[in-house]
Amino acid sequence: KFFTKNDCRNFEKISSQFYTIFEKTIRAYWADPAVRELFHFNPRLEQLVMHPCRYSSLVPMLRVDIFYNEETGAFKVCEFNTDGTSAMYENQMMDRFLTENNAWNALKPDVYHQELMDSWADAFLKDVHEASGNKTPSIAIADYLENAYLPELYAFEQLFKERGLKA
């Protein structure tokens, strides 16, 4: 799927708006018991959410799925997810395949594929270093085995090893 530069600007605007909304929601949740009651979280989850955040990025992982009208730029929200990497590995594999596609290569430099894994790993490590006072972390990559997509987990392990970390 190809998107225009105008579409990409729309996506950046939409992303910024969502991040602002989520950040305000998190701050309101922390500050106001009446807001917390709206979420109906069990006490253990609420305790985890209320745990002090030691890095500046309040939403370190987010994917928002939208129905996008390419003619008008309007959109409707389908769902948002903050719990995983959302097929970043498949995105990376697609990038590798595209380099072998003659039509894709003929359209360069007017088209590009958006890289996700390296930029996410760098952003994640920025948060980790901020939270730890720049200590060198060891990274644990975890998932429920019945839901894990092992090639993606091994790809993330490799990303962290390339950055000199134990994973």
Protein backbone atom coordinates (compact mmCIF):
# COMPACT_ATOMS: atom_id res chain seq x y z
CA LYS A 1 0.00 0.00 0.00
CA PHE A 2 1.36 3.41 -0.92
CA PHE A 3 0.52 6.55 1.00
CA THR A 4 1.17 10.08 -0.19
CA LYS A 5 3.30 12.63 1.64
CA ASN A 6 0.05 14.30 2.66
CA ASP A 7 -1.20 11.01 4.14
CA CYS A 8 2.06 10.68 6.07
CA ARG A 9 1.65 14.21 7.45
CA ASN A 10 -1.92 13.26 8.46
CA PHE A 11 -0.62 10.13 10.21
CA GLU A 12 1.98 12.21 12.08
CA LYS A 13 -0.75 14.64 13.18
CA ILE A 14 -3.07 11.79 14.22
CA SER A 15 -0.22 10.10 16.13
CA SER A 16 0.63 13.30 17.93
CA GLN A 17 -3.01 13.86 18.88
CA PHE A 18 -3.36 10.31 20.22
CA TYR A 19 -0.15 10.55 22.21
CA THR A 20 -1.32 13.82 23.76
CA ILE A 21 -4.69 12.26 24.69
CA PHE A 22 -3.08 9.16 26.19
CA GLU A 23 -0.55 11.22 28.13
CA LYS A 24 -3.31 13.45 29.56
CA THR A 25 -5.35 10.36 30.44
CA ILE A 26 -2.43 8.76 32.27
CA ARG A 27 -1.73 11.94 34.23
CA ALA A 28 -5.42 12.29 35.11
CA TYR A 29 -5.52 8.63 36.20
CA TRP A 30 -2.55 9.18 38.51
CA ALA A 31 -3.95 12.41 39.96
CA ASP A 32 -7.66 11.74 40.41
CA PRO A 33 -9.30 8.76 42.15
CA ALA A 34 -12.58 9.55 40.33
CA VAL A 35 -10.79 9.02 36.99
CA ARG A 36 -9.29 5.74 38.23
CA GLU A 37 -12.79 4.49 39.09
CA LEU A 38 -13.82 4.86 35.43
CA PHE A 39 -11.35 2.16 34.39
CA HIS A 40 -12.54 -0.61 36.75
CA PHE A 41 -9.04 -2.08 37.02
CA ASN A 42 -8.52 -4.77 39.62
CA PRO A 43 -6.49 -3.61 42.64
CA ARG A 44 -3.28 -5.35 41.53
CA LEU A 45 -3.37 -3.74 38.08
CA GLU A 46 -4.17 -0.35 39.61
CA GLN A 47 -1.18 -0.75 41.91
CA LEU A 48 1.05 -1.41 38.90
CA VAL A 49 -0.35 1.55 36.96
CA MET A 50 0.18 3.82 39.94
CA HIS A 51 3.80 2.76 40.28
CA PRO A 52 6.04 5.80 39.68
CA CYS A 53 7.26 6.10 36.09
CA ARG A 54 11.01 6.67 35.97
CA TYR A 55 11.24 7.73 32.33
CA SER A 56 9.68 10.59 30.41
CA SER A 57 7.85 8.57 27.76
CA LEU A 58 4.50 7.73 29.34
CA VAL A 59 3.45 5.52 26.40
CA PRO A 60 6.56 3.55 25.41
CA MET A 61 4.75 1.21 23.01
CA LEU A 62 1.63 2.06 21.03
CA ARG A 63 -0.12 0.96 17.88
CA VAL A 64 -3.37 2.63 16.89
CA ASP A 65 -5.43 0.86 14.23
CA ILE A 66 -7.66 3.19 12.23
CA PHE A 67 -9.98 3.11 9.27
CA TYR A 68 -8.53 5.87 7.09
CA ASN A 69 -10.38 7.71 4.32
CA GLU A 70 -7.68 8.52 1.78
CA GLU A 71 -9.88 11.03 -0.04
CA THR A 72 -10.69 13.19 2.98
CA GLY A 73 -8.04 12.29 5.57
CA ALA A 74 -10.83 11.46 8.03
CA PHE A 75 -10.44 8.39 10.22
CA LYS A 76 -12.23 6.21 12.73
CA VAL A 77 -10.48 4.33 15.50
CA CYS A 78 -10.62 0.56 15.37
CA GLU A 79 -8.46 -0.21 18.41
CA PHE A 80 -5.27 0.76 20.16
CA ASN A 81 -2.67 -1.56 21.61
CA THR A 82 0.14 -0.88 24.06
CA ASP A 83 1.11 -4.42 24.87
CA GLY A 84 3.49 -5.65 22.20
CA THR A 85 5.56 -5.17 19.11
CA SER A 86 2.69 -5.59 16.65
CA ALA A 87 4.36 -7.55 13.87
CA MET A 88 7.42 -5.30 13.58
CA TYR A 89 9.42 -8.31 12.44
CA GLU A 90 7.08 -8.95 9.51
CA ASN A 91 7.45 -5.29 8.58
CA GLN A 92 11.24 -5.71 8.57
CA MET A 93 10.99 -8.84 6.44
CA MET A 94 8.80 -6.99 3.95
CA ASP A 95 11.47 -4.31 3.70
CA ARG A 96 14.04 -6.94 2.78
CA PHE A 97 11.74 -8.42 0.14
CA LEU A 98 11.01 -5.02 -1.37
CA THR A 99 14.67 -4.47 -2.14
CA GLU A 100 14.39 -7.35 -4.60
CA ASN A 101 11.28 -5.96 -6.32
CA ASN A 102 12.00 -4.24 -9.65
CA ALA A 103 8.86 -2.08 -9.53
CA TRP A 104 9.69 -0.90 -6.01
CA ASN A 105 13.28 -0.10 -6.97
CA ALA A 106 12.12 1.79 -10.07
CA LEU A 107 10.01 4.08 -7.87
CA LYS A 108 12.89 5.01 -5.57
CA PRO A 109 13.66 7.56 -4.19
CA ASP A 110 10.01 8.62 -4.22
CA VAL A 111 8.96 5.68 -2.03
CA TYR A 112 10.30 4.28 1.19
CA HIS A 113 9.44 1.59 3.69
CA GLN A 114 9.12 2.71 7.28
CA GLU A 115 11.64 0.95 9.50
CA LEU A 116 10.29 0.04 12.95
CA MET A 117 12.49 -2.41 14.85
CA ASP A 118 15.79 -0.53 15.13
CA SER A 119 14.08 2.75 15.93
CA TRP A 120 11.91 1.06 18.57
CA ALA A 121 14.92 -0.67 20.16
CA ASP A 122 16.76 2.66 20.35
CA ALA A 123 13.73 4.43 21.87
CA PHE A 124 13.24 1.57 24.35
CA LEU A 125 16.87 1.73 25.42
CA LYS A 126 16.61 5.50 25.86
CA ASP A 127 13.77 4.88 28.34
CA VAL A 128 15.72 2.09 30.07
CA HIS A 129 18.82 4.27 30.44
CA GLU A 130 16.71 7.17 31.71
CA ALA A 131 15.03 4.93 34.31
CA SER A 132 18.24 3.24 35.43
CA GLY A 133 20.55 6.24 35.58
CA ASN A 134 22.43 5.06 32.47
CA LYS A 135 23.33 1.67 33.89
CA THR A 136 23.94 -1.05 31.32
CA PRO A 137 20.85 -3.24 31.32
CA SER A 138 20.37 -6.91 30.67
CA ILE A 139 17.27 -7.40 28.56
CA ALA A 140 14.68 -10.12 29.18
CA ILE A 141 12.42 -10.80 26.20
CA ALA A 142 9.30 -12.54 27.43
CA ASP A 143 5.96 -13.68 26.08
CA TYR A 144 3.42 -16.38 26.76
CA LEU A 145 4.83 -19.38 24.93
CA GLU A 146 1.50 -20.31 23.33
CA ASN A 147 1.28 -16.78 21.83
CA ALA A 148 4.95 -16.11 21.15
CA TYR A 149 6.19 -15.59 17.61
CA LEU A 150 9.70 -16.91 18.17
CA PRO A 151 11.35 -15.47 15.00
CA GLU A 152 10.37 -11.98 16.17
CA LEU A 153 11.68 -12.61 19.69
CA TYR A 154 15.00 -13.84 18.30
CA ALA A 155 15.16 -10.78 16.01
CA PHE A 156 14.77 -8.48 19.03
CA GLU A 157 17.40 -10.48 20.88
CA GLN A 158 19.76 -9.84 17.96
CA LEU A 159 19.00 -6.11 17.96
CA PHE A 160 19.98 -5.81 21.61
CA LYS A 161 23.11 -7.95 21.13
CA GLU A 162 24.14 -5.67 18.25
CA ARG A 163 23.95 -2.80 20.77
CA GLY A 164 26.32 -4.65 23.11
CA LEU A 165 23.71 -5.87 25.57
CA LYS A 166 22.87 -9.25 27.05
CA ALA A 167 19.45 -10.34 25.92
